[in-house]
Amino acid sequence: MKQIVVLSGKGGTGKTTIAASFAVLASERHRIVVADCDVEASNMHILLKPVRLNERNVFKGSKVAVLDAEKCVNCGACEEVCRFGAISRRGSRRGMSMGGGGRRRGGA
């Protein structure tokens, strides 16, 4: 299976148009699956008029990160690389804790 991903942080750059063009070209020789993952304006269906499958899957996620104390060696590496500042050594009796208090990477 081959995958092509078209992404950009800026809107209006033609990502959907390019992805739809690739999809049309690929569909001439292969069975394809297209996923438009734009959370604000998924418009791929307007361009391609796809056959929709009515399949639903349950997604379960966690709102809060969980620290696995059995695997944590309290090295602090996760605190250093977490760009959200969500991991801290402060305020935890066991060493690392999840949920903030750490410094944000990149200055703030």
N, C-alpha and C. Protein backbone atom coordinates (compact mmCIF):
# COMPACT_ATOMS: atom_id res chain seq x y z
N MET A 1 0.84 -1.18 0.00
CA MET A 1 0.00 0.00 0.00
C MET A 1 0.89 1.24 0.00
N LYS A 2 0.56 2.17 -0.85
CA LYS A 2 1.30 3.43 -0.92
C LYS A 2 0.41 4.54 -0.40
N GLN A 3 1.04 5.51 0.24
CA GLN A 3 0.29 6.63 0.79
C GLN A 3 0.87 7.93 0.28
N ILE A 4 0.00 8.87 -0.01
CA ILE A 4 0.40 10.22 -0.37
C ILE A 4 -0.30 11.15 0.60
N VAL A 5 0.45 12.03 1.22
CA VAL A 5 -0.10 12.98 2.18
C VAL A 5 0.17 14.38 1.65
N VAL A 6 -0.86 15.22 1.65
CA VAL A 6 -0.73 16.61 1.24
C VAL A 6 -1.08 17.46 2.45
N LEU A 7 -0.11 18.26 2.93
CA LEU A 7 -0.39 19.06 4.12
C LEU A 7 0.32 20.39 4.08
N SER A 8 -0.23 21.32 4.83
CA SER A 8 0.34 22.65 4.99
C SER A 8 -0.35 23.28 6.18
N GLY A 9 0.31 24.17 6.86
CA GLY A 9 -0.29 24.86 7.98
C GLY A 9 -1.16 26.03 7.57
N LYS A 10 -1.09 26.42 6.33
CA LYS A 10 -1.82 27.60 5.86
C LYS A 10 -3.03 27.19 5.03
N GLY A 11 -4.10 27.89 5.21
CA GLY A 11 -5.30 27.63 4.43
C GLY A 11 -5.22 28.27 3.05
N GLY A 12 -5.99 27.74 2.11
CA GLY A 12 -6.08 28.35 0.80
C GLY A 12 -4.90 28.11 -0.11
N THR A 13 -4.11 27.08 0.16
CA THR A 13 -2.93 26.83 -0.66
C THR A 13 -3.18 25.82 -1.76
N GLY A 14 -4.38 25.23 -1.81
CA GLY A 14 -4.71 24.28 -2.86
C GLY A 14 -4.48 22.82 -2.49
N LYS A 15 -4.40 22.54 -1.20
CA LYS A 15 -4.17 21.16 -0.75
C LYS A 15 -5.26 20.22 -1.22
N THR A 16 -6.51 20.61 -1.08
CA THR A 16 -7.63 19.75 -1.48
C THR A 16 -7.62 19.54 -2.99
N THR A 17 -7.34 20.57 -3.74
CA THR A 17 -7.31 20.46 -5.20
C THR A 17 -6.21 19.51 -5.65
N ILE A 18 -5.03 19.65 -5.08
CA ILE A 18 -3.91 18.77 -5.44
C ILE A 18 -4.22 17.33 -5.03
N ALA A 19 -4.73 17.14 -3.80
CA ALA A 19 -5.04 15.78 -3.33
C ALA A 19 -6.12 15.14 -4.21
N ALA A 20 -7.13 15.91 -4.60
CA ALA A 20 -8.20 15.38 -5.46
C ALA A 20 -7.64 15.00 -6.83
N SER A 21 -6.73 15.80 -7.34
CA SER A 21 -6.11 15.49 -8.63
C SER A 21 -5.32 14.19 -8.57
N PHE A 22 -4.53 14.03 -7.51
CA PHE A 22 -3.80 12.77 -7.31
C PHE A 22 -4.77 11.60 -7.21
N ALA A 23 -5.87 11.80 -6.49
CA ALA A 23 -6.85 10.73 -6.30
C ALA A 23 -7.46 10.29 -7.64
N VAL A 24 -7.81 11.26 -8.47
CA VAL A 24 -8.39 10.93 -9.78
C VAL A 24 -7.39 10.17 -10.63
N LEU A 25 -6.15 10.63 -10.65
CA LEU A 25 -5.12 9.94 -11.44
C LEU A 25 -4.90 8.51 -10.93
N ALA A 26 -4.80 8.35 -9.63
CA ALA A 26 -4.57 7.03 -9.04
C ALA A 26 -5.75 6.09 -9.27
N SER A 27 -6.96 6.63 -9.27
CA SER A 27 -8.15 5.79 -9.41
C SER A 27 -8.30 5.20 -10.81
N GLU A 28 -7.56 5.74 -11.77
CA GLU A 28 -7.61 5.19 -13.13
C GLU A 28 -6.97 3.81 -13.21
N ARG A 29 -6.05 3.52 -12.29
CA ARG A 29 -5.34 2.23 -12.31
C ARG A 29 -5.51 1.41 -11.04
N HIS A 30 -5.96 2.04 -9.95
CA HIS A 30 -5.99 1.36 -8.65
C HIS A 30 -7.28 1.66 -7.91
N ARG A 31 -7.61 0.78 -6.97
CA ARG A 31 -8.68 1.09 -6.02
C ARG A 31 -8.06 1.99 -4.97
N ILE A 32 -8.74 3.05 -4.63
CA ILE A 32 -8.14 4.01 -3.70
C ILE A 32 -9.07 4.30 -2.52
N VAL A 33 -8.47 4.83 -1.47
CA VAL A 33 -9.20 5.35 -0.32
C VAL A 33 -8.70 6.77 -0.11
N VAL A 34 -9.62 7.70 0.04
CA VAL A 34 -9.27 9.10 0.24
C VAL A 34 -9.84 9.54 1.58
N ALA A 35 -9.02 10.21 2.38
CA ALA A 35 -9.47 10.74 3.67
C ALA A 35 -9.17 12.22 3.72
N ASP A 36 -10.20 13.02 3.82
CA ASP A 36 -10.03 14.47 3.97
C ASP A 36 -10.10 14.76 5.46
N CYS A 37 -8.98 15.06 6.05
CA CYS A 37 -8.89 15.24 7.51
C CYS A 37 -8.88 16.70 7.92
N ASP A 38 -9.37 17.57 7.08
CA ASP A 38 -9.46 18.99 7.43
C ASP A 38 -10.59 19.15 8.44
N VAL A 39 -10.25 19.57 9.65
CA VAL A 39 -11.26 19.66 10.72
C VAL A 39 -12.20 20.84 10.54
N GLU A 40 -11.81 21.84 9.77
CA GLU A 40 -12.66 23.01 9.62
C GLU A 40 -13.46 23.02 8.32
N ALA A 41 -12.90 22.48 7.26
CA ALA A 41 -13.58 22.55 5.96
C ALA A 41 -13.19 21.36 5.09
N SER A 42 -13.70 20.19 5.42
CA SER A 42 -13.40 19.03 4.58
C SER A 42 -14.32 19.07 3.37
N ASN A 43 -13.73 19.39 2.22
CA ASN A 43 -14.51 19.61 0.99
C ASN A 43 -14.18 18.63 -0.13
N MET A 44 -13.41 17.61 0.16
CA MET A 44 -13.01 16.67 -0.88
C MET A 44 -14.21 16.03 -1.56
N HIS A 45 -15.27 15.80 -0.81
CA HIS A 45 -16.47 15.18 -1.38
C HIS A 45 -17.10 16.04 -2.47
N ILE A 46 -16.92 17.33 -2.43
CA ILE A 46 -17.47 18.22 -3.44
C ILE A 46 -16.78 17.98 -4.78
N LEU A 47 -15.47 17.76 -4.73
CA LEU A 47 -14.70 17.57 -5.95
C LEU A 47 -14.81 16.15 -6.51
N LEU A 48 -14.86 15.15 -5.64
CA LEU A 48 -14.77 13.76 -6.11
C LEU A 48 -16.09 13.02 -6.22
N LYS A 49 -17.12 13.47 -5.54
CA LYS A 49 -18.42 12.76 -5.53
C LYS A 49 -18.24 11.27 -5.22
N PRO A 50 -17.66 10.95 -4.07
CA PRO A 50 -17.33 9.55 -3.77
C PRO A 50 -18.54 8.72 -3.35
N VAL A 51 -18.35 7.41 -3.39
CA VAL A 51 -19.32 6.48 -2.83
C VAL A 51 -19.05 6.47 -1.33
N ARG A 52 -20.05 6.81 -0.55
CA ARG A 52 -19.85 6.88 0.89
C ARG A 52 -20.19 5.55 1.55
N LEU A 53 -19.34 5.13 2.43
CA LEU A 53 -19.58 3.92 3.21
C LEU A 53 -20.12 4.34 4.56
N ASN A 54 -21.19 3.74 4.98
CA ASN A 54 -21.77 4.06 6.29
C ASN A 54 -21.20 3.12 7.33
N GLU A 55 -19.96 3.37 7.67
CA GLU A 55 -19.27 2.55 8.67
C GLU A 55 -18.83 3.46 9.80
N ARG A 56 -19.13 3.06 10.99
CA ARG A 56 -18.73 3.86 12.15
C ARG A 56 -17.92 3.00 13.10
N ASN A 57 -16.87 3.60 13.63
CA ASN A 57 -16.03 2.93 14.60
C ASN A 57 -16.00 3.78 15.87
N VAL A 58 -15.96 3.12 16.99
CA VAL A 58 -15.88 3.83 18.27
C VAL A 58 -14.44 4.23 18.52
N PHE A 59 -14.23 5.50 18.81
CA PHE A 59 -12.90 5.99 19.16
C PHE A 59 -12.91 6.33 20.64
N LYS A 60 -11.97 5.78 21.35
CA LYS A 60 -11.84 6.08 22.77
C LYS A 60 -10.50 6.76 23.00
N GLY A 61 -10.53 7.89 23.61
CA GLY A 61 -9.29 8.61 23.90
C GLY A 61 -9.27 9.04 25.34
N SER A 62 -8.18 9.59 25.74
CA SER A 62 -8.03 10.06 27.11
C SER A 62 -7.83 11.56 27.08
N LYS A 63 -8.51 12.27 27.95
CA LYS A 63 -8.37 13.72 28.01
C LYS A 63 -7.12 14.12 28.78
N VAL A 64 -6.60 13.22 29.59
CA VAL A 64 -5.44 13.52 30.41
C VAL A 64 -4.37 12.46 30.15
N ALA A 65 -3.14 12.91 29.96
CA ALA A 65 -2.04 11.96 29.79
C ALA A 65 -1.80 11.23 31.11
N VAL A 66 -1.35 9.99 30.98
CA VAL A 66 -1.11 9.18 32.17
C VAL A 66 0.35 8.75 32.18
N LEU A 67 0.98 8.91 33.32
CA LEU A 67 2.36 8.50 33.50
C LEU A 67 2.40 7.06 33.97
N ASP A 68 3.12 6.21 33.26
CA ASP A 68 3.28 4.81 33.65
C ASP A 68 4.48 4.73 34.59
N ALA A 69 4.21 4.69 35.89
CA ALA A 69 5.27 4.72 36.91
C ALA A 69 6.21 3.53 36.81
N GLU A 70 5.73 2.40 36.29
CA GLU A 70 6.60 1.22 36.16
C GLU A 70 7.64 1.40 35.06
N LYS A 71 7.36 2.21 34.06
CA LYS A 71 8.30 2.41 32.96
C LYS A 71 9.14 3.68 33.12
N CYS A 72 8.68 4.61 33.94
CA CYS A 72 9.39 5.88 34.12
C CYS A 72 10.64 5.67 34.96
N VAL A 73 11.78 6.15 34.45
CA VAL A 73 13.04 6.05 35.19
C VAL A 73 13.45 7.42 35.74
N ASN A 74 12.53 8.38 35.66
CA ASN A 74 12.73 9.72 36.21
C ASN A 74 13.96 10.42 35.63
N CYS A 75 14.19 10.23 34.32
CA CYS A 75 15.36 10.85 33.68
C CYS A 75 15.09 12.29 33.25
N GLY A 76 13.82 12.65 33.11
CA GLY A 76 13.47 14.01 32.72
C GLY A 76 13.46 14.26 31.22
N ALA A 77 13.75 13.25 30.41
CA ALA A 77 13.79 13.43 28.95
C ALA A 77 12.44 13.88 28.40
N CYS A 78 11.37 13.32 28.91
CA CYS A 78 10.04 13.69 28.40
C CYS A 78 9.72 15.15 28.71
N GLU A 79 10.15 15.63 29.86
CA GLU A 79 9.93 17.02 30.22
C GLU A 79 10.66 17.95 29.26
N GLU A 80 11.86 17.56 28.86
CA GLU A 80 12.66 18.38 27.95
C GLU A 80 12.06 18.46 26.55
N VAL A 81 11.46 17.39 26.06
CA VAL A 81 10.96 17.39 24.68
C VAL A 81 9.48 17.76 24.56
N CYS A 82 8.75 17.81 25.66
CA CYS A 82 7.32 18.14 25.58
C CYS A 82 7.15 19.61 25.23
N ARG A 83 6.63 19.88 24.03
CA ARG A 83 6.50 21.26 23.57
C ARG A 83 5.33 21.99 24.22
N PHE A 84 4.50 21.28 24.97
CA PHE A 84 3.35 21.92 25.61
C PHE A 84 3.60 22.25 27.08
N GLY A 85 4.74 21.86 27.62
CA GLY A 85 5.04 22.12 29.02
C GLY A 85 4.11 21.35 29.95
N ALA A 86 3.66 20.18 29.52
CA ALA A 86 2.66 19.42 30.26
C ALA A 86 3.26 18.40 31.22
N ILE A 87 4.59 18.31 31.28
CA ILE A 87 5.24 17.34 32.15
C ILE A 87 6.19 18.09 33.06
N SER A 88 6.16 17.76 34.34
CA SER A 88 6.98 18.48 35.30
C SER A 88 7.50 17.55 36.38
N ARG A 89 8.68 17.83 36.89
CA ARG A 89 9.21 17.10 38.04
C ARG A 89 8.69 17.71 39.33
N ARG A 90 8.24 18.94 39.27
CA ARG A 90 7.77 19.63 40.47
C ARG A 90 6.39 19.15 40.89
N GLY A 91 6.16 19.06 42.19
CA GLY A 91 4.84 18.73 42.71
C GLY A 91 4.48 17.26 42.68
N SER A 92 5.44 16.39 42.46
CA SER A 92 5.14 14.97 42.43
C SER A 92 6.02 14.23 43.41
N ARG A 93 5.41 13.40 44.23
CA ARG A 93 6.17 12.62 45.20
C ARG A 93 6.99 11.52 44.52
N ARG A 94 6.56 11.05 43.37
CA ARG A 94 7.23 9.94 42.69
C ARG A 94 8.20 10.41 41.61
N GLY A 95 8.41 11.67 41.48
CA GLY A 95 9.31 12.16 40.43
C GLY A 95 8.55 12.95 39.40
N MET A 96 8.27 12.37 38.25
CA MET A 96 7.61 13.08 37.17
C MET A 96 6.10 13.12 37.40
N SER A 97 5.45 14.16 36.89
CA SER A 97 3.99 14.23 36.95
C SER A 97 3.49 14.80 35.64
N MET A 98 2.26 14.46 35.29
CA MET A 98 1.65 14.95 34.06
C MET A 98 0.70 16.08 34.42
N GLY A 99 0.52 17.00 33.52
CA GLY A 99 -0.51 18.00 33.72
C GLY A 99 -0.02 19.41 33.85
N GLY A 100 1.23 19.66 33.70
CA GLY A 100 1.67 21.05 33.65
C GLY A 100 2.64 21.43 34.74
N GLY A 101 2.96 22.69 34.71
CA GLY A 101 3.90 23.21 35.67
C GLY A 101 5.30 23.31 35.09
N GLY A 102 5.55 22.60 34.03
CA GLY A 102 6.86 22.64 33.40
C GLY A 102 6.99 23.84 32.49
N ARG A 103 8.17 24.07 32.00
CA ARG A 103 8.37 25.21 31.09
C ARG A 103 8.08 24.77 29.67
N ARG A 104 7.58 25.71 28.89
CA ARG A 104 7.29 25.43 27.49
C ARG A 104 8.58 25.49 26.70
N ARG A 105 8.70 24.60 25.75
CA ARG A 105 9.86 24.62 24.86
C ARG A 105 9.75 25.79 23.91
N GLY A 106 10.84 26.39 23.62
CA GLY A 106 10.83 27.47 22.65
C GLY A 106 10.68 28.84 23.28
N GLY A 107 10.81 28.93 24.59
CA GLY A 107 10.87 30.25 25.20
C GLY A 107 9.79 30.60 26.17
N ALA A 108 8.52 30.41 25.88
CA ALA A 108 7.44 30.94 26.68
C ALA A 108 7.41 30.45 28.03
